[in-house]
Structure formats: C-alpha cells, structure tokens
N, C-alpha and C. Protein backbone atom coordinates (compact mmCIF):
# COMPACT_ATOMS: atom_id res chain seq x y z
N MET A 1 0.71 -1.14 0.10
CA MET A 1 0.13 -0.08 -0.07
C MET A 1 0.73 1.31 0.07
N PRO A 2 0.68 2.14 -0.78
CA PRO A 2 1.30 3.35 -0.95
C PRO A 2 1.30 4.31 0.51
N SER A 3 2.32 4.80 0.64
CA SER A 3 2.37 5.60 2.03
C SER A 3 1.45 6.62 2.18
N ASP A 4 1.27 7.32 0.76
CA ASP A 4 0.23 8.69 0.83
C ASP A 4 -1.09 8.03 0.91
N ARG A 5 -1.54 7.07 1.19
CA ARG A 5 -2.79 6.41 1.56
C ARG A 5 -3.11 6.54 2.82
N SER A 6 -2.09 6.64 3.99
CA SER A 6 -2.49 6.34 5.33
C SER A 6 -2.23 8.36 5.62
N ASP A 7 -1.97 8.83 4.77
CA ASP A 7 -2.26 10.33 5.10
C ASP A 7 -3.73 10.41 5.47
N LEU A 8 -3.47 11.37 6.66
CA LEU A 8 -4.79 11.91 7.36
C LEU A 8 -5.40 12.93 6.74
N LEU A 9 -6.69 12.96 6.22
CA LEU A 9 -7.41 14.10 5.87
C LEU A 9 -7.19 15.07 6.67
N GLN A 10 -7.48 16.39 6.31
CA GLN A 10 -7.18 17.63 7.24
C GLN A 10 -8.32 17.54 8.40
N GLY A 11 -7.95 18.07 9.46
CA GLY A 11 -8.72 18.03 10.81
C GLY A 11 -9.04 16.64 11.16
N THR A 12 -8.67 15.42 10.70
CA THR A 12 -9.37 14.16 11.03
C THR A 12 -8.00 13.77 12.10
N LEU A 13 -6.87 14.18 12.06
CA LEU A 13 -6.20 13.84 13.49
C LEU A 13 -6.39 14.10 14.47
N ASP A 14 -6.92 15.57 14.59
CA ASP A 14 -7.47 16.29 15.96
C ASP A 14 -8.75 15.50 16.40
N MET A 15 -9.21 15.05 15.53
CA MET A 15 -10.56 14.15 15.86
C MET A 15 -10.07 12.65 16.49
N LEU A 16 -9.10 12.12 15.98
CA LEU A 16 -8.43 10.99 16.37
C LEU A 16 -7.80 10.90 17.58
N ILE A 17 -7.22 12.07 17.93
CA ILE A 17 -6.31 12.36 19.21
C ILE A 17 -7.52 12.45 20.00
N LEU A 18 -8.62 13.22 20.12
CA LEU A 18 -9.55 13.27 20.90
C LEU A 18 -10.17 12.32 21.27
N LYS A 19 -10.65 11.17 20.29
CA LYS A 19 -11.09 10.08 20.66
C LYS A 19 -10.38 8.91 21.58
N VAL A 20 -8.88 8.71 20.96
CA VAL A 20 -8.11 8.02 22.00
C VAL A 20 -7.96 8.59 23.30
N LEU A 21 -8.07 9.91 23.53
CA LEU A 21 -7.63 10.33 25.07
C LEU A 21 -9.17 10.27 25.58
N ASN A 22 -10.32 10.11 24.95
CA ASN A 22 -11.52 9.85 25.66
C ASN A 22 -11.44 8.65 26.65
N ARG A 23 -10.57 7.83 26.51
CA ARG A 23 -10.28 6.87 27.13
C ARG A 23 -9.47 6.74 28.24
N GLY A 24 -8.75 8.05 28.83
CA GLY A 24 -7.95 8.22 29.47
C GLY A 24 -6.63 9.07 29.23
N PRO A 25 -6.03 9.43 30.00
CA PRO A 25 -4.72 9.93 29.77
C PRO A 25 -3.66 9.66 29.08
N LEU A 26 -2.69 10.13 28.44
CA LEU A 26 -1.74 9.32 27.73
C LEU A 26 -0.58 10.35 27.18
N HIS A 27 0.51 10.04 26.95
CA HIS A 27 1.54 11.09 26.65
C HIS A 27 1.69 10.88 25.22
N GLY A 28 2.15 11.86 24.43
CA GLY A 28 2.34 11.85 22.80
C GLY A 28 2.65 10.53 22.26
N TYR A 29 3.82 9.88 22.71
CA TYR A 29 4.38 8.64 21.90
C TYR A 29 3.17 7.58 21.97
N ALA A 30 2.49 7.41 23.35
CA ALA A 30 1.39 6.53 23.39
C ALA A 30 0.19 6.72 22.72
N ILE A 31 -0.10 8.29 22.39
CA ILE A 31 -1.37 8.47 21.67
C ILE A 31 -1.03 7.97 20.15
N ALA A 32 0.12 8.08 19.59
CA ALA A 32 0.56 7.75 18.33
C ALA A 32 0.67 6.22 18.53
N GLN A 33 0.64 5.59 19.19
CA GLN A 33 1.02 3.93 18.92
C GLN A 33 -0.50 3.45 19.27
N ARG A 34 -1.37 4.06 20.01
CA ARG A 34 -2.67 3.74 20.26
C ARG A 34 -3.38 4.04 18.76
N ILE A 35 -3.38 5.01 18.09
CA ILE A 35 -3.81 5.08 16.60
C ILE A 35 -3.41 4.11 15.84
N GLY A 36 -2.20 3.84 16.10
CA GLY A 36 -1.65 2.81 15.08
C GLY A 36 -2.15 1.43 15.45
N ALA A 37 -2.36 1.17 16.53
CA ALA A 37 -2.57 -0.28 16.85
C ALA A 37 -4.05 -0.33 16.67
N ILE A 38 -5.04 0.55 17.30
CA ILE A 38 -6.28 0.34 17.06
C ILE A 38 -6.83 0.18 15.35
N SER A 39 -6.07 1.06 14.44
CA SER A 39 -6.43 1.27 13.18
C SER A 39 -5.57 -0.29 12.47
N ARG A 40 -4.89 -1.01 13.10
CA ARG A 40 -4.22 -2.15 12.54
C ARG A 40 -2.76 -1.80 11.61
N ALA A 41 -2.47 -0.63 12.12
CA ALA A 41 -1.16 -0.18 11.35
C ALA A 41 -1.33 0.30 10.12
N LEU A 42 -2.69 0.75 10.06
CA LEU A 42 -2.99 1.72 8.40
C LEU A 42 -2.66 2.98 8.73
N LEU A 43 -2.88 3.34 9.78
CA LEU A 43 -2.63 4.98 10.20
C LEU A 43 -1.37 5.15 11.02
N GLN A 44 -0.57 5.74 10.60
CA GLN A 44 0.89 5.96 11.29
C GLN A 44 0.70 7.44 11.28
N VAL A 45 0.91 8.07 12.56
CA VAL A 45 0.93 9.25 12.98
C VAL A 45 2.40 9.96 13.10
N PRO A 46 3.02 10.55 12.16
CA PRO A 46 4.66 10.83 12.35
C PRO A 46 4.56 12.10 13.28
N GLN A 47 5.80 12.18 14.27
CA GLN A 47 5.67 13.25 15.25
C GLN A 47 5.58 14.56 14.63
N GLY A 48 6.16 14.76 13.36
CA GLY A 48 6.09 16.08 13.04
C GLY A 48 4.37 16.55 12.99
N SER A 49 3.50 15.55 12.63
CA SER A 49 2.19 16.19 12.78
C SER A 49 1.51 15.95 14.08
N LEU A 50 2.07 15.11 14.70
CA LEU A 50 1.29 14.67 16.23
C LEU A 50 1.61 15.88 17.27
N TYR A 51 2.75 16.36 17.34
CA TYR A 51 3.07 17.32 18.58
C TYR A 51 2.39 18.61 18.10
N PRO A 52 2.41 18.94 17.20
CA PRO A 52 2.01 20.54 16.57
C PRO A 52 0.07 20.30 16.79
N ALA A 53 -0.27 19.13 16.44
CA ALA A 53 -1.72 18.68 16.91
C ALA A 53 -2.02 18.92 18.34
N LEU A 54 -1.28 18.29 19.02
CA LEU A 54 -1.34 18.47 20.62
C LEU A 54 -1.30 19.71 21.12
N HIS A 55 -0.36 20.43 20.75
CA HIS A 55 -0.22 21.81 21.18
C HIS A 55 -1.55 22.79 20.60
N ARG A 56 -1.96 22.55 19.45
CA ARG A 56 -2.99 23.19 18.71
C ARG A 56 -4.33 23.00 19.64
N LEU A 57 -4.67 21.59 20.18
CA LEU A 57 -5.61 21.14 20.86
C LEU A 57 -5.49 21.60 22.13
N GLU A 58 -4.34 22.06 22.69
CA GLU A 58 -4.36 22.26 24.05
C GLU A 58 -4.40 23.92 24.08
N ASN A 59 -4.16 24.38 23.06
CA ASN A 59 -4.26 25.90 22.99
C ASN A 59 -5.71 26.38 22.83
N LYS A 60 -6.45 25.38 22.14
CA LYS A 60 -7.83 25.58 22.27
C LYS A 60 -8.81 25.27 23.65
N ARG A 61 -7.83 24.61 24.52
CA ARG A 61 -8.23 24.26 25.61
C ARG A 61 -9.28 22.81 25.72
N LEU A 62 -8.99 22.22 24.26
CA LEU A 62 -9.76 20.85 24.30
C LEU A 62 -8.81 19.58 25.02
N LEU A 63 -7.72 19.81 25.20
CA LEU A 63 -6.93 19.23 26.22
C LEU A 63 -6.19 19.91 27.21
N SER A 64 -5.60 19.34 28.16
CA SER A 64 -4.96 19.91 29.40
C SER A 64 -3.82 18.85 29.39
N ALA A 65 -2.71 19.35 29.87
CA ALA A 65 -1.52 18.65 29.71
C ALA A 65 -0.37 19.06 31.32
N ALA A 66 -0.15 17.81 31.48
CA ALA A 66 1.00 17.75 32.80
C ALA A 66 2.05 16.76 32.87
N TRP A 67 3.27 17.49 33.17
CA TRP A 67 4.42 16.72 33.29
C TRP A 67 4.26 15.44 34.18
N ALA A 68 4.58 14.49 33.87
CA ALA A 68 4.67 13.01 34.94
C ALA A 68 5.89 12.53 34.56
N ARG A 69 6.29 11.65 35.70
CA ARG A 69 7.65 10.47 35.37
C ARG A 69 6.96 9.28 35.13
N THR A 70 7.84 8.58 33.86
CA THR A 70 7.37 7.31 33.85
C THR A 70 7.90 6.25 34.98
N PRO A 71 7.47 5.15 34.89
CA PRO A 71 8.27 4.17 36.17
C PRO A 71 9.57 4.17 35.43
N SER A 72 10.21 4.25 34.41
CA SER A 72 11.83 4.24 34.08
C SER A 72 12.39 5.25 34.50
N GLY A 73 11.65 6.66 34.96
CA GLY A 73 12.22 7.65 35.29
C GLY A 73 12.34 8.72 34.20
N ARG A 74 11.74 8.44 33.23
CA ARG A 74 11.51 9.57 31.95
C ARG A 74 10.54 10.44 32.36
N ASP A 75 10.71 11.84 32.14
CA ASP A 75 9.54 12.65 32.21
C ASP A 75 8.94 12.76 31.03
N VAL A 76 7.34 12.95 30.78
CA VAL A 76 6.66 12.79 29.47
C VAL A 76 5.63 13.96 29.81
N LYS A 77 4.87 14.54 28.88
CA LYS A 77 3.87 15.25 28.91
C LYS A 77 2.73 14.70 28.63
N VAL A 78 1.61 14.52 29.81
CA VAL A 78 0.79 13.66 29.75
C VAL A 78 -0.57 14.42 29.27
N TYR A 79 -1.25 13.81 28.30
CA TYR A 79 -2.62 15.04 27.72
C TYR A 79 -3.86 14.03 28.20
N ARG A 80 -4.77 15.05 28.50
CA ARG A 80 -6.23 14.46 28.93
C ARG A 80 -7.38 15.44 28.33
N LEU A 81 -8.05 14.69 28.12
CA LEU A 81 -9.51 15.41 27.38
C LEU A 81 -10.09 16.47 28.62
N THR A 82 -10.51 17.65 28.00
CA THR A 82 -11.22 18.60 28.92
C THR A 82 -12.68 18.37 28.87
N THR A 83 -13.45 18.85 29.46
CA THR A 83 -14.96 19.06 29.08
C THR A 83 -15.08 19.17 27.77
N GLN A 84 -14.71 20.70 27.38
CA GLN A 84 -14.48 21.24 26.16
C GLN A 84 -14.13 20.18 25.00
N GLY A 85 -13.33 19.57 25.17
CA GLY A 85 -12.60 18.66 24.43
C GLY A 85 -13.86 17.55 23.97
N ARG A 86 -14.53 17.04 25.13
CA ARG A 86 -15.62 15.96 24.90
C ARG A 86 -16.45 16.40 24.41
N ARG A 87 -16.96 17.90 24.49
CA ARG A 87 -18.42 18.01 23.58
C ARG A 87 -17.55 18.18 22.07
N GLN A 88 -16.61 18.97 21.86
CA GLN A 88 -15.86 18.83 20.58
C GLN A 88 -15.70 17.51 19.94
N LEU A 89 -15.47 16.46 20.64
CA LEU A 89 -15.36 15.17 19.92
C LEU A 89 -16.78 14.67 19.65
N SER A 90 -17.78 14.79 20.43
CA SER A 90 -19.05 14.34 20.03
C SER A 90 -19.52 14.92 18.81
N GLU A 91 -18.94 16.68 18.60
CA GLU A 91 -19.46 17.20 17.25
C GLU A 91 -18.72 16.81 16.15
N GLU A 92 -17.41 16.32 16.46
CA GLU A 92 -16.75 15.94 15.05
C GLU A 92 -17.21 14.64 14.74
N VAL A 93 -17.40 13.51 15.84
CA VAL A 93 -17.67 12.49 15.24
C VAL A 93 -19.12 12.25 14.42
N ALA A 94 -19.94 13.08 14.99
CA ALA A 94 -21.16 13.44 14.30
C ALA A 94 -20.87 13.89 12.84
N ASP A 95 -20.32 14.85 12.72
CA ASP A 95 -19.87 15.51 11.50
C ASP A 95 -19.50 14.14 10.58
N TRP A 96 -18.27 13.70 11.05
CA TRP A 96 -17.50 12.52 10.36
C TRP A 96 -18.71 11.43 9.74
N GLU A 97 -19.20 11.13 10.82
CA GLU A 97 -20.66 10.06 10.42
C GLU A 97 -21.44 10.38 9.33
N ARG A 98 -21.83 12.03 9.32
CA ARG A 98 -22.60 12.16 8.12
C ARG A 98 -21.81 12.41 6.83
N LEU A 99 -20.46 12.71 6.82
CA LEU A 99 -19.49 12.52 5.72
C LEU A 99 -19.25 11.47 5.44
N ALA A 100 -19.04 10.32 5.88
CA ALA A 100 -18.85 9.07 5.74
C ALA A 100 -19.94 8.23 5.02
N GLU A 101 -21.30 8.67 5.58
CA GLU A 101 -22.56 7.99 4.99
C GLU A 101 -22.85 8.83 3.48
N ALA A 102 -22.38 10.08 3.22
CA ALA A 102 -22.59 10.63 2.05
C ALA A 102 -21.36 10.00 1.04
N ILE A 103 -20.31 9.68 1.73
CA ILE A 103 -19.35 9.05 0.76
C ILE A 103 -19.83 7.34 0.14
N ARG A 104 -20.43 7.13 1.10
CA ARG A 104 -21.12 5.39 0.88
C ARG A 104 -22.02 5.45 -0.02
N LEU A 105 -22.88 6.50 0.08
CA LEU A 105 -23.84 6.53 -0.81
C LEU A 105 -23.70 6.97 -2.13
N ILE A 106 -22.47 7.56 -2.54
CA ILE A 106 -22.02 7.99 -3.89
C ILE A 106 -21.01 6.76 -4.34
N LEU A 107 -20.29 6.37 -3.35
CA LEU A 107 -19.51 4.90 -3.92
C LEU A 107 -20.76 3.57 -4.47
N GLN A 108 -21.60 3.53 -3.69
CA GLN A 108 -22.66 2.76 -4.07
C GLN A 108 -23.29 3.01 -5.44
N THR A 109 -23.56 3.94 -5.90
CA THR A 109 -24.01 4.48 -7.16
C THR A 109 -23.51 3.69 -8.15
N ALA A 110 -24.57 2.86 -8.98
CA ALA A 110 -24.06 2.47 -10.13
C ALA A 110 -23.36 3.12 -11.18
N GLU A 111 -22.60 2.51 -11.72
CA GLU A 111 -22.06 3.33 -12.97
C GLU A 111 -22.85 3.52 -14.19
C-alpha cells in the first residue's frame, strides 16, 4: 500500500487524538501508538504531525497537559481530554459520520 494512502485528511488527526484520549490520559508517543494499534497499523502518525496537533488542541483548551514521570524515570507530558474537548469530540464524530454516509452513498451509485 503506498504511504500516501495513510495520510490523514485535514482535521481528522485532531478527532482521532480526542477519541483516543476519551479513554484516558496518555503521553504523545502512546497516543501515536494507540492510533496505530487500533487502526491495525493502517494509520501511522508522524511526530511532525502529532506534536503540533497536540499543542493546537491544548491551545484551544480541548486538552490539558501535565508533566509526569514514567516508571523508567523519564519525564513525559501527559494529555487529557477537557470537558470542552469531550463536547468537541461529539460534534466531530457526528460530522464525520454524516460525511462517511454521504461518501458511502456516492460509492454505491451504479455506473
């Protein structure tokens, strides 16, 4: 499969990050790993896309972040969804489902 097929649509990465964090707080690398694992490795989030998205979501107050120490002694920034982030996630999922349904209808159209 060509690598450009795993490129995320504009704005989709934000929704995926919010969705992954809906289950609980994670640090950046773990967010990327979780997206990869859930998508069965079809989606890979490069650090160059992930961290700007996390900062953008934090600036919009959709995420909060705090430093924590891992059991191995490493300091990591842990992100968690805010109440505003949960509302935004609900709106984005509803929008995505409407878009996916429209695309499905077009793809099912006979030629």
